[in-house]
Amino acid sequence: QVSLVESGGGLVQPGGSLRLSCAVSGFPFSSNTMSWYRQAPGKERELVAFISSASTITNYADSVKGRFAISRDNAKNTVDLQMNNLKPEDTAVYYCKSRYRNIDYWGKGTLVTVSF
């Protein structure tokens, strides 16, 4: 059974940092790409960051370039999102996602709130 479980969200002040983690099980993690998405209140879900199976390729949304970094540990079946210099507009529920056998799998999300 495929499972993706995010953790690490919370309340942080503008300019602060958070590190999100996603623990994955149920499919060959090291063979699959992984992504982080987010969905802010009243907005559509958007791609934040992508990482290839061997970490050789990463891509980021323009809005987070230079502030966020995606990484993965294929030995631990985890994918992380380091978020620095957070802004109020980064407030959203963050989801990790993978695609396995032509099916998209999502975690339930973790809430990040950036506010004073």
Protein backbone atom coordinates (compact mmCIF):
# COMPACT_ATOMS: atom_id res chain seq x y z
CA GLN A 1 0.00 0.00 0.00
CA VAL A 2 1.41 3.35 -1.07
CA SER A 3 1.77 5.92 1.69
CA LEU A 4 3.15 9.46 1.72
CA VAL A 5 3.20 11.29 5.05
CA GLU A 6 4.30 14.90 5.37
CA SER A 7 5.58 16.51 8.54
CA GLY A 8 7.31 19.67 9.69
CA GLY A 9 4.72 22.34 9.09
CA GLY A 10 3.81 25.02 11.58
CA LEU A 11 3.69 28.71 12.33
CA VAL A 12 6.76 30.78 11.50
CA GLN A 13 7.45 34.50 11.31
CA PRO A 14 8.33 36.17 8.01
CA GLY A 15 12.01 35.67 7.28
CA GLY A 16 12.09 32.41 9.19
CA SER A 17 12.78 28.86 8.06
CA LEU A 18 11.06 25.50 8.13
CA ARG A 19 12.03 22.07 6.92
CA LEU A 20 9.31 19.79 5.64
CA SER A 21 9.77 16.06 5.30
CA CYS A 22 7.79 13.39 3.47
CA ALA A 23 8.13 9.72 4.41
CA VAL A 24 7.25 7.33 1.59
CA SER A 25 6.47 3.63 1.52
CA GLY A 26 4.77 1.09 -0.72
CA PHE A 27 6.64 1.60 -4.00
CA PRO A 28 10.27 1.65 -5.22
CA PHE A 29 11.08 5.13 -3.98
CA SER A 30 14.56 5.36 -5.49
CA SER A 31 13.16 4.82 -9.00
CA ASN A 32 10.58 7.59 -8.88
CA THR A 33 10.59 11.34 -9.14
CA MET A 34 9.15 13.32 -6.24
CA SER A 35 7.50 16.70 -6.04
CA TRP A 36 6.25 19.19 -3.49
CA TYR A 37 3.06 21.11 -4.19
CA ARG A 38 1.18 23.69 -2.19
CA GLN A 39 -2.33 25.03 -2.05
CA ALA A 40 -3.12 28.38 -0.50
CA PRO A 41 -6.64 29.28 0.65
CA GLY A 42 -8.84 30.06 -2.33
CA LYS A 43 -6.14 29.16 -4.84
CA GLU A 44 -5.33 26.20 -7.05
CA ARG A 45 -2.69 23.68 -6.07
CA GLU A 46 0.68 24.60 -7.59
CA LEU A 47 3.99 22.85 -8.12
CA VAL A 48 6.70 24.15 -5.80
CA ALA A 49 9.67 21.84 -6.43
CA PHE A 50 10.64 18.68 -8.27
CA ILE A 51 13.51 16.25 -7.88
CA SER A 52 14.53 13.38 -10.12
CA SER A 53 15.07 9.86 -8.84
CA ALA A 54 18.84 10.24 -8.49
CA SER A 55 18.71 13.89 -7.42
CA THR A 56 20.46 14.96 -10.63
CA ILE A 57 17.64 17.29 -11.67
CA THR A 58 15.74 19.78 -9.54
CA ASN A 59 13.25 22.42 -10.60
CA TYR A 60 11.50 25.16 -8.66
CA ALA A 61 8.62 27.54 -9.09
CA ASP A 62 9.88 31.04 -9.82
CA SER A 63 8.30 32.29 -6.61
CA VAL A 64 10.55 30.08 -4.44
CA LYS A 65 13.82 29.98 -6.40
CA GLY A 66 16.77 30.85 -4.22
CA ARG A 67 14.75 30.34 -1.02
CA PHE A 68 13.62 26.70 -1.12
CA ALA A 69 15.68 23.55 -1.65
CA ILE A 70 14.39 20.05 -2.32
CA SER A 71 16.42 16.98 -1.43
CA ARG A 72 15.91 13.27 -1.00
CA ASP A 73 17.44 10.34 0.82
CA ASN A 74 16.88 7.16 -1.16
CA ALA A 75 18.18 5.05 1.72
CA LYS A 76 15.53 6.44 4.08
CA ASN A 77 12.72 6.89 1.51
CA THR A 78 12.29 10.53 2.39
CA VAL A 79 12.08 13.77 0.48
CA ASP A 80 12.60 17.11 2.21
CA LEU A 81 11.85 20.72 1.43
CA GLN A 82 14.05 23.30 3.14
CA MET A 83 12.26 26.64 3.14
CA ASN A 84 14.21 29.79 4.01
CA ASN A 85 13.30 33.47 4.09
CA LEU A 86 9.63 32.58 4.29
CA LYS A 87 7.05 35.14 3.24
CA PRO A 88 3.36 35.49 4.15
CA GLU A 89 2.50 34.43 0.59
CA ASP A 90 4.13 31.05 1.27
CA THR A 91 1.26 30.26 3.63
CA ALA A 92 -0.39 27.10 2.31
CA VAL A 93 -0.90 23.40 2.82
CA TYR A 94 2.15 21.62 1.42
CA TYR A 95 1.83 18.21 -0.19
CA CYS A 96 4.35 15.70 -1.46
CA LYS A 97 3.50 13.74 -4.54
CA SER A 98 4.81 10.92 -6.65
CA ARG A 99 3.66 9.03 -9.69
CA TYR A 100 3.85 5.25 -9.77
CA ARG A 101 2.44 3.01 -12.46
CA ASN A 102 0.63 5.99 -14.02
CA ILE A 103 -1.13 6.84 -10.78
CA ASP A 104 -0.48 10.04 -8.83
CA TYR A 105 -0.10 9.53 -5.08
CA TRP A 106 -0.45 12.39 -2.63
CA GLY A 107 0.11 12.85 1.04
CA LYS A 108 -2.53 14.50 3.22
CA GLY A 109 -0.47 17.66 3.52
CA THR A 110 1.09 19.77 6.25
CA LEU A 111 0.07 23.36 6.99
CA VAL A 112 2.63 26.15 6.84
CA THR A 113 1.57 29.52 8.19
CA VAL A 114 3.86 32.53 7.81
CA SER A 115 2.72 35.36 10.03
CA PHE A 116 3.71 37.63 12.91
